[in-house]
PDB file of N, CA and C in Angstrom:
ATOM      1  N   UNK A   1      98.212  97.305  33.964  1.00  0.00           N
ATOM      2  CA  UNK A   1      97.139  96.840  34.824  1.00  0.00           C
ATOM      3  C   UNK A   1      96.546  98.044  35.573  1.00  0.00           C
ATOM      4  N   UNK A   2      95.244  98.044  35.737  1.00  0.00           N
ATOM      5  CA  UNK A   2      94.556  99.165  36.379  1.00  0.00           C
ATOM      6  C   UNK A   2      94.143  98.812  37.801  1.00  0.00           C
ATOM      7  N   UNK A   3      94.065  99.845  38.631  1.00  0.00           N
ATOM      8  CA  UNK A   3      93.660  99.710  40.025  1.00  0.00           C
ATOM      9  C   UNK A   3      92.172  99.376  40.101  1.00  0.00           C
ATOM     10  N   UNK A   4      91.804  98.489  41.016  1.00  0.00           N
ATOM     11  CA  UNK A   4      90.397  98.125  41.186  1.00  0.00           C
ATOM     12  C   UNK A   4      89.589  99.261  41.800  1.00  0.00           C
ATOM     13  N   UNK A   5      90.213 100.132  42.589  1.00  0.00           N
ATOM     14  CA  UNK A   5      89.482 101.196  43.277  1.00  0.00           C
ATOM     15  C   UNK A   5      89.289 102.436  42.414  1.00  0.00           C
ATOM     16  N   UNK A   6      90.380 102.946  41.867  1.00  0.00           N
ATOM     17  CA  UNK A   6      90.304 104.237  41.179  1.00  0.00           C
ATOM     18  C   UNK A   6      90.524 104.139  39.673  1.00  0.00           C
ATOM     19  N   UNK A   7      90.831 102.985  39.142  1.00  0.00           N
ATOM     20  CA  UNK A   7      91.067 102.720  37.713  1.00  0.00           C
ATOM     21  C   UNK A   7      92.305 103.409  37.152  1.00  0.00           C
ATOM     22  N   UNK A   8      93.176 103.922  38.024  1.00  0.00           N
ATOM     23  CA  UNK A   8      94.456 104.460  37.560  1.00  0.00           C
ATOM     24  C   UNK A   8      95.397 103.301  37.274  1.00  0.00           C
ATOM     25  N   UNK A   9      96.452 103.588  36.559  1.00  0.00           N
ATOM     26  CA  UNK A   9      97.434 102.553  36.229  1.00  0.00           C
ATOM     27  C   UNK A   9      98.283 102.259  37.466  1.00  0.00           C
ATOM     28  N   UNK A  10      98.465 100.986  37.776  1.00  0.00           N
ATOM     29  CA  UNK A  10      99.304 100.573  38.909  1.00  0.00           C
ATOM     30  C   UNK A  10     100.761 100.716  38.490  1.00  0.00           C
ATOM     31  N   UNK A  11     101.580 101.270  39.366  1.00  0.00           N
ATOM     32  CA  UNK A  11     102.986 101.519  39.086  1.00  0.00           C
ATOM     33  C   UNK A  11     103.710 100.211  38.779  1.00  0.00           C
ATOM     34  N   UNK A  12     104.648 100.272  37.821  1.00  0.00           N
ATOM     35  CA  UNK A  12     105.396  99.091  37.409  1.00  0.00           C
ATOM     36  C   UNK A  12     106.205  98.509  38.567  1.00  0.00           C
ATOM     37  N   UNK A  13     106.829  99.376  39.363  1.00  0.00           N
ATOM     38  CA  UNK A  13     107.650  98.904  40.484  1.00  0.00           C
ATOM     39  C   UNK A  13     106.808  98.143  41.498  1.00  0.00           C
ATOM     40  N   UNK A  14     105.578  98.623  41.729  1.00  0.00           N
ATOM     41  CA  UNK A  14     104.669  97.957  42.675  1.00  0.00           C
ATOM     42  C   UNK A  14     104.265  96.583  42.148  1.00  0.00           C
ATOM     43  N   UNK A  15     103.975  96.502  40.863  1.00  0.00           N
ATOM     44  CA  UNK A  15     103.616  95.209  40.266  1.00  0.00           C
ATOM     45  C   UNK A  15     104.787  94.236  40.279  1.00  0.00           C
ATOM     46  N   UNK A  16     105.970  94.789  40.105  1.00  0.00           N
ATOM     47  CA  UNK A  16     107.164  93.940  40.113  1.00  0.00           C
ATOM     48  C   UNK A  16     107.417  93.372  41.511  1.00  0.00           C
ATOM     49  N   UNK A  17     107.205  94.185  42.545  1.00  0.00           N
ATOM     50  CA  UNK A  17     107.437  93.754  43.922  1.00  0.00           C
ATOM     51  C   UNK A  17     106.294  92.879  44.435  1.00  0.00           C
ATOM     52  N   UNK A  18     105.062  93.241  44.089  1.00  0.00           N
ATOM     53  CA  UNK A  18     103.871  92.508  44.548  1.00  0.00           C
ATOM     54  C   UNK A  18     103.044  92.109  43.331  1.00  0.00           C
ATOM     55  N   UNK A  19     103.340  90.975  42.703  1.00  0.00           N
ATOM     56  CA  UNK A  19     102.658  90.614  41.450  1.00  0.00           C
ATOM     57  C   UNK A  19     101.154  90.392  41.592  1.00  0.00           C
ATOM     58  N   UNK A  20     100.674  90.082  42.783  1.00  0.00           N
ATOM     59  CA  UNK A  20      99.249  89.798  42.952  1.00  0.00           C
ATOM     60  C   UNK A  20      98.442  91.018  43.380  1.00  0.00           C
ATOM     61  N   UNK A  21      99.074  92.195  43.470  1.00  0.00           N
ATOM     62  CA  UNK A  21      98.379  93.393  43.940  1.00  0.00           C
ATOM     63  C   UNK A  21      97.342  93.866  42.928  1.00  0.00           C
ATOM     64  N   UNK A  22      96.281  94.455  43.429  1.00  0.00           N
ATOM     65  CA  UNK A  22      95.216  94.971  42.580  1.00  0.00           C
ATOM     66  C   UNK A  22      94.906  96.435  42.887  1.00  0.00           C
ATOM     67  N   UNK A  23      95.789  97.094  43.669  1.00  0.00           N
ATOM     68  CA  UNK A  23      95.581  98.497  44.046  1.00  0.00           C
ATOM     69  C   UNK A  23      96.839  99.309  43.756  1.00  0.00           C
ATOM     70  N   UNK A  24      96.631 100.573  43.391  1.00  0.00           N
ATOM     71  CA  UNK A  24      97.771 101.472  43.239  1.00  0.00           C
ATOM     72  C   UNK A  24      98.239 101.900  44.631  1.00  0.00           C
ATOM     73  N   UNK A  25      99.372 102.565  44.693  1.00  0.00           N
ATOM     74  CA  UNK A  25      99.964 102.931  45.983  1.00  0.00           C
ATOM     75  C   UNK A  25      99.088 103.928  46.738  1.00  0.00           C
ATOM     76  N   UNK A  26      98.432 104.850  46.042  1.00  0.00           N
ATOM     77  CA  UNK A  26      97.578 105.840  46.704  1.00  0.00           C
ATOM     78  C   UNK A  26      96.377 105.174  47.365  1.00  0.00           C
ATOM     79  N   UNK A  27      95.743 104.240  46.663  1.00  0.00           N
ATOM     80  CA  UNK A  27      94.579 103.548  47.228  1.00  0.00           C
ATOM     81  C   UNK A  27      94.995 102.603  48.362  1.00  0.00           C
ATOM     82  N   UNK A  28      96.173 102.032  48.248  1.00  0.00           N
ATOM     83  CA  UNK A  28      96.659 101.137  49.299  1.00  0.00           C
ATOM     84  C   UNK A  28      96.879 101.896  50.597  1.00  0.00           C
ATOM     85  N   UNK A  29      97.378 103.143  50.506  1.00  0.00           N
ATOM     86  CA  UNK A  29      97.597 103.950  51.706  1.00  0.00           C
ATOM     87  C   UNK A  29      96.295 104.515  52.263  1.00  0.00           C
ATOM     88  N   UNK A  30      95.282 104.696  51.418  1.00  0.00           N
ATOM     89  CA  UNK A  30      93.991 105.205  51.870  1.00  0.00           C
ATOM     90  C   UNK A  30      93.106 104.111  52.459  1.00  0.00           C
ATOM     91  N   UNK A  31      93.485 102.877  52.256  1.00  0.00           N
ATOM     92  CA  UNK A  31      92.651 101.748  52.659  1.00  0.00           C
ATOM     93  C   UNK A  31      92.336 101.786  54.154  1.00  0.00           C
ATOM     94  N   UNK A  32      91.081 101.546  54.503  1.00  0.00           N
ATOM     95  CA  UNK A  32      90.654 101.550  55.899  1.00  0.00           C
ATOM     96  C   UNK A  32      90.880 100.208  56.579  1.00  0.00           C
ATOM     97  N   UNK A  33      91.277  99.209  55.827  1.00  0.00           N
ATOM     98  CA  UNK A  33      91.472  97.882  56.406  1.00  0.00           C
ATOM     99  C   UNK A  33      92.615  97.910  57.400  1.00  0.00           C
ATOM    100  N   UNK A  34      92.375  97.323  58.565  1.00  0.00           N
ATOM    101  CA  UNK A  34      93.450  97.204  59.548  1.00  0.00           C
ATOM    102  C   UNK A  34      94.352  96.058  59.130  1.00  0.00           C
ATOM    103  N   UNK A  35      95.613  96.264  59.300  1.00  0.00           N
ATOM    104  CA  UNK A  35      96.560  95.194  58.992  1.00  0.00           C
ATOM    105  C   UNK A  35      96.516  94.168  60.103  1.00  0.00           C
ATOM    106  N   UNK A  36      96.493  92.917  59.717  1.00  0.00           N
ATOM    107  CA  UNK A  36      96.529  91.834  60.690  1.00  0.00           C
ATOM    108  C   UNK A  36      97.992  91.549  60.964  1.00  0.00           C
ATOM    109  N   UNK A  37      98.383  91.737  62.205  1.00  0.00           N
ATOM    110  CA  UNK A  37      99.780  91.572  62.564  1.00  0.00           C
ATOM    111  C   UNK A  37      99.870  90.590  63.719  1.00  0.00           C
ATOM    112  N   UNK A  38     100.461  89.422  63.485  1.00  0.00           N
ATOM    113  CA  UNK A  38     100.614  88.494  64.601  1.00  0.00           C
ATOM    114  C   UNK A  38     101.623  89.031  65.608  1.00  0.00           C
ATOM    115  N   UNK A  39     101.362  88.761  66.854  1.00  0.00           N
ATOM    116  CA  UNK A  39     102.223  89.237  67.929  1.00  0.00           C
ATOM    117  C   UNK A  39     102.779  88.019  68.647  1.00  0.00           C
ATOM    118  N   UNK A  40     104.073  87.990  68.813  1.00  0.00           N
ATOM    119  CA  UNK A  40     104.715  86.859  69.472  1.00  0.00           C
ATOM    120  C   UNK A  40     105.243  87.237  70.837  1.00  0.00           C
ATOM    121  N   UNK A  41     105.145  86.291  71.761  1.00  0.00           N
ATOM    122  CA  UNK A  41     105.634  86.494  73.117  1.00  0.00           C
ATOM    123  C   UNK A  41     106.553  85.324  73.445  1.00  0.00           C
ATOM    124  N   UNK A  42     107.719  85.633  73.958  1.00  0.00           N
ATOM    125  CA  UNK A  42     108.649  84.576  74.358  1.00  0.00           C
ATOM    126  C   UNK A  42     108.210  84.030  75.712  1.00  0.00           C
ATOM    127  N   UNK A  43     107.979  82.727  75.778  1.00  0.00           N
ATOM    128  CA  UNK A  43     107.516  82.072  76.998  1.00  0.00           C
ATOM    129  C   UNK A  43     108.556  81.030  77.396  1.00  0.00           C
ATOM    130  N   UNK A  44     108.972  81.076  78.653  1.00  0.00           N
ATOM    131  CA  UNK A  44     109.962  80.125  79.155  1.00  0.00           C
ATOM    132  C   UNK A  44     109.283  79.141  80.100  1.00  0.00           C
ATOM    133  N   UNK A  45     109.431  77.844  79.812  1.00  0.00           N
ATOM    134  CA  UNK A  45     108.862  76.826  80.683  1.00  0.00           C
ATOM    135  C   UNK A  45     109.820  76.472  81.811  1.00  0.00           C
ATOM    136  N   UNK A  46     111.103  76.640  81.583  1.00  0.00           N
ATOM    137  CA  UNK A  46     112.100  76.449  82.631  1.00  0.00           C
ATOM    138  C   UNK A  46     113.282  77.365  82.324  1.00  0.00           C
ATOM    139  N   UNK A  47     114.435  77.047  82.878  1.00  0.00           N
ATOM    140  CA  UNK A  47     115.572  77.956  82.779  1.00  0.00           C
ATOM    141  C   UNK A  47     116.107  78.131  81.348  1.00  0.00           C
ATOM    142  N   UNK A  48     116.093  77.063  80.567  1.00  0.00           N
ATOM    143  CA  UNK A  48     116.723  77.129  79.258  1.00  0.00           C
ATOM    144  C   UNK A  48     115.762  76.969  78.090  1.00  0.00           C
ATOM    145  N   UNK A  49     114.654  76.274  78.272  1.00  0.00           N
ATOM    146  CA  UNK A  49     113.752  76.015  77.156  1.00  0.00           C
ATOM    147  C   UNK A  49     112.712  77.114  77.039  1.00  0.00           C
ATOM    148  N   UNK A  50     112.715  77.773  75.899  1.00  0.00           N
ATOM    149  CA  UNK A  50     111.731  78.809  75.641  1.00  0.00           C
ATOM    150  C   UNK A  50     111.091  78.580  74.293  1.00  0.00           C
ATOM    151  N   UNK A  51     109.907  79.117  74.116  1.00  0.00           N
ATOM    152  CA  UNK A  51     109.248  79.031  72.820  1.00  0.00           C
ATOM    153  C   UNK A  51     108.475  80.316  72.591  1.00  0.00           C
ATOM    154  N   UNK A  52     108.112  80.559  71.339  1.00  0.00           N
ATOM    155  CA  UNK A  52     107.375  81.762  70.983  1.00  0.00           C
ATOM    156  C   UNK A  52     105.900  81.409  70.859  1.00  0.00           C
ATOM    157  N   UNK A  53     105.080  82.146  71.581  1.00  0.00           N
ATOM    158  CA  UNK A  53     103.637  81.956  71.515  1.00  0.00           C
ATOM    159  C   UNK A  53     103.072  83.064  70.623  1.00  0.00           C
ATOM    160  N   UNK A  54     102.443  82.675  69.522  1.00  0.00           N
ATOM    161  CA  UNK A  54     101.922  83.630  68.545  1.00  0.00           C
ATOM    162  C   UNK A  54     100.467  83.954  68.881  1.00  0.00           C
ATOM    163  N   UNK A  55     100.130  85.249  68.881  1.00  0.00           N
ATOM    164  CA  UNK A  55      98.765  85.709  69.144  1.00  0.00           C
ATOM    165  C   UNK A  55      98.255  86.508  67.953  1.00  0.00           C
ATOM    166  N   UNK A  56      96.967  86.433  67.701  1.00  0.00           N
ATOM    167  CA  UNK A  56      96.358  87.352  66.740  1.00  0.00           C
ATOM    168  C   UNK A  56      96.140  88.682  67.454  1.00  0.00           C
ATOM    169  N   UNK A  57      95.745  89.704  66.719  1.00  0.00           N
ATOM    170  CA  UNK A  57      95.530  91.016  67.337  1.00  0.00           C
ATOM    171  C   UNK A  57      94.426  90.960  68.384  1.00  0.00           C
ATOM    172  N   UNK A  58      93.350  90.229  68.090  1.00  0.00           N
ATOM    173  CA  UNK A  58      92.233  90.126  69.033  1.00  0.00           C
ATOM    174  C   UNK A  58      92.648  89.355  70.284  1.00  0.00           C
ATOM    175  N   UNK A  59      93.373  88.269  70.085  1.00  0.00           N
ATOM    176  CA  UNK A  59      93.835  87.462  71.217  1.00  0.00           C
ATOM    177  C   UNK A  59      94.808  88.249  72.087  1.00  0.00           C
ATOM    178  N   UNK A  60      95.674  89.035  71.458  1.00  0.00           N
ATOM    179  CA  UNK A  60      96.644  89.826  72.208  1.00  0.00           C
ATOM    180  C   UNK A  60      95.951  90.877  73.065  1.00  0.00           C
ATOM    181  N   UNK A  61      94.932  91.541  72.510  1.00  0.00           N
ATOM    182  CA  UNK A  61      94.256  92.579  73.285  1.00  0.00           C
ATOM    183  C   UNK A  61      93.528  91.992  74.502  1.00  0.00           C
ATOM    184  N   UNK A  62      93.087  90.745  74.409  1.00  0.00           N
ATOM    185  CA  UNK A  62      92.432  90.095  75.544  1.00  0.00           C
ATOM    186  C   UNK A  62      93.442  89.622  76.591  1.00  0.00           C
ATOM    187  N   UNK A  63      94.614  89.172  76.157  1.00  0.00           N
ATOM    188  CA  UNK A  63      95.548  88.503  77.057  1.00  0.00           C
ATOM    189  C   UNK A  63      96.782  89.307  77.430  1.00  0.00           C
ATOM    190  N   UNK A  64      96.937  90.552  76.958  1.00  0.00           N
ATOM    191  CA  UNK A  64      98.170  91.291  77.232  1.00  0.00           C
ATOM    192  C   UNK A  64      98.340  91.625  78.703  1.00  0.00           C
ATOM    193  N   UNK A  65      97.258  91.633  79.465  1.00  0.00           N
ATOM    194  CA  UNK A  65      97.372  91.927  80.896  1.00  0.00           C
ATOM    195  C   UNK A  65      98.110  90.822  81.653  1.00  0.00           C
ATOM    196  N   UNK A  66      98.191  89.621  81.060  1.00  0.00           N
ATOM    197  CA  UNK A  66      98.883  88.515  81.715  1.00  0.00           C
ATOM    198  C   UNK A  66     100.387  88.512  81.446  1.00  0.00           C
ATOM    199  N   UNK A  67     100.841  89.298  80.467  1.00  0.00           N
ATOM    200  CA  UNK A  67     102.252  89.347  80.123  1.00  0.00           C
ATOM    201  C   UNK A  67     102.858  90.626  80.669  1.00  0.00           C
ATOM    202  N   UNK A  68     103.155  90.639  81.935  1.00  0.00           N
ATOM    203  CA  UNK A  68     103.724  91.805  82.591  1.00  0.00           C
ATOM    204  C   UNK A  68     105.209  91.543  82.796  1.00  0.00           C
ATOM    205  N   UNK A  69     106.027  92.465  82.342  1.00  0.00           N
ATOM    206  CA  UNK A  69     107.472  92.303  82.495  1.00  0.00           C
ATOM    207  C   UNK A  69     107.841  92.434  83.959  1.00  0.00           C
ATOM    208  N   UNK A  70     108.687  91.535  84.427  1.00  0.00           N
ATOM    209  CA  UNK A  70     109.165  91.635  85.802  1.00  0.00           C
ATOM    210  C   UNK A  70     110.677  91.790  85.770  1.00  0.00           C
ATOM    211  N   UNK A  71     111.153  92.835  86.354  1.00  0.00           N
ATOM    212  CA  UNK A  71     112.583  93.095  86.363  1.00  0.00           C
ATOM    213  C   UNK A  71     112.985  94.052  85.265  1.00  0.00           C
ATOM    214  N   UNK A  72     114.224  94.474  85.334  1.00  0.00           N
ATOM    215  CA  UNK A  72     114.764  95.400  84.345  1.00  0.00           C
ATOM    216  C   UNK A  72     115.107  94.639  83.073  1.00  0.00           C
ATOM    217  N   UNK A  73     115.255  95.356  81.983  1.00  0.00           N
ATOM    218  CA  UNK A  73     115.581  94.726  80.713  1.00  0.00           C
ATOM    219  C   UNK A  73     117.069  94.400  80.590  1.00  0.00           C
ATOM    220  N   UNK A  74     117.889  95.034  81.387  1.00  0.00           N
ATOM    221  CA  UNK A  74     119.313  94.743  81.316  1.00  0.00           C
ATOM    222  C   UNK A  74     119.896  94.682  82.723  1.00  0.00           C
ATOM    223  N   UNK A  75     120.993  93.994  82.838  1.00  0.00           N
ATOM    224  CA  UNK A  75     121.644  93.863  84.140  1.00  0.00           C
ATOM    225  C   UNK A  75     122.237  95.190  84.596  1.00  0.00           C
ATOM    226  N   UNK A  76     122.580  96.067  83.666  1.00  0.00           N
ATOM    227  CA  UNK A  76     123.170  97.352  84.015  1.00  0.00           C
ATOM    228  C   UNK A  76     122.171  98.178  84.833  1.00  0.00           C
ATOM    229  N   UNK A  77     120.896  98.104  84.481  1.00  0.00           N
ATOM    230  CA  UNK A  77     119.891  98.851  85.225  1.00  0.00           C
ATOM    231  C   UNK A  77     119.784  98.341  86.654  1.00  0.00           C
ATOM    232  N   UNK A  78     119.930  97.038  86.844  1.00  0.00           N
ATOM    233  CA  UNK A  78     119.868  96.481  88.189  1.00  0.00           C
ATOM    234  C   UNK A  78     120.986  97.033  89.060  1.00  0.00           C
ATOM    235  N   UNK A  79     122.186  97.176  88.501  1.00  0.00           N
ATOM    236  CA  UNK A  79     123.305  97.687  89.269  1.00  0.00           C
ATOM    237  C   UNK A  79     123.179  99.187  89.525  1.00  0.00           C
ATOM    238  N   UNK A  80     122.627  99.898  88.565  1.00  0.00           N
ATOM    239  CA  UNK A  80     122.539 101.343  88.739  1.00  0.00           C
ATOM    240  C   UNK A  80     121.490 101.728  89.781  1.00  0.00           C
ATOM    241  N   UNK A  81     120.501 100.886  90.013  1.00  0.00           N
ATOM    242  CA  UNK A  81     119.489 101.182  91.017  1.00  0.00           C
ATOM    243  C   UNK A  81     120.008 100.932  92.447  1.00  0.00           C
ATOM    244  N   UNK A  82     120.894  99.961  92.609  1.00  0.00           N
ATOM    245  CA  UNK A  82     121.411  99.584  93.916  1.00  0.00           C
ATOM    246  C   UNK A  82     122.796 100.181  94.117  1.00  0.00           C
ATOM    247  N   UNK A  83     122.864 101.473  94.294  1.00  0.00           N
ATOM    248  CA  UNK A  83     124.142 102.146  94.455  1.00  0.00           C
ATOM    249  C   UNK A  83     124.555 102.011  95.925  1.00  0.00           C
ATOM    250  N   UNK A  84     125.735 101.485  96.129  1.00  0.00           N
ATOM    251  CA  UNK A  84     126.266 101.347  97.491  1.00  0.00           C
ATOM    252  C   UNK A  84     127.064 102.597  97.833  1.00  0.00           C
ATOM    253  N   UNK A  85     126.469 103.546  98.473  1.00  0.00           N
ATOM    254  CA  UNK A  85     127.177 104.789  98.764  1.00  0.00           C
ATOM    255  C   UNK A  85     127.158 105.051 100.250  1.00  0.00           C
TER     256      UNK A  85
END
């Protein structure tokens, strides 16, 4: 099978892994298309129930200012900041 962009032969390993691909590995890496990557945020409605809210890239860039981390990521950091000396 030949690449749609450069007409070179698509590598066998690539076709085996991605049977629907139409580009060789070189053209795939040169592609200007941005990858669409969903972004998930863990949202807690109360103490125990949480759910994942999925955002598109555009939605995430608009709403990321509302997801500000509060507190340290681990309890060890909390103890290391409050040294009783």
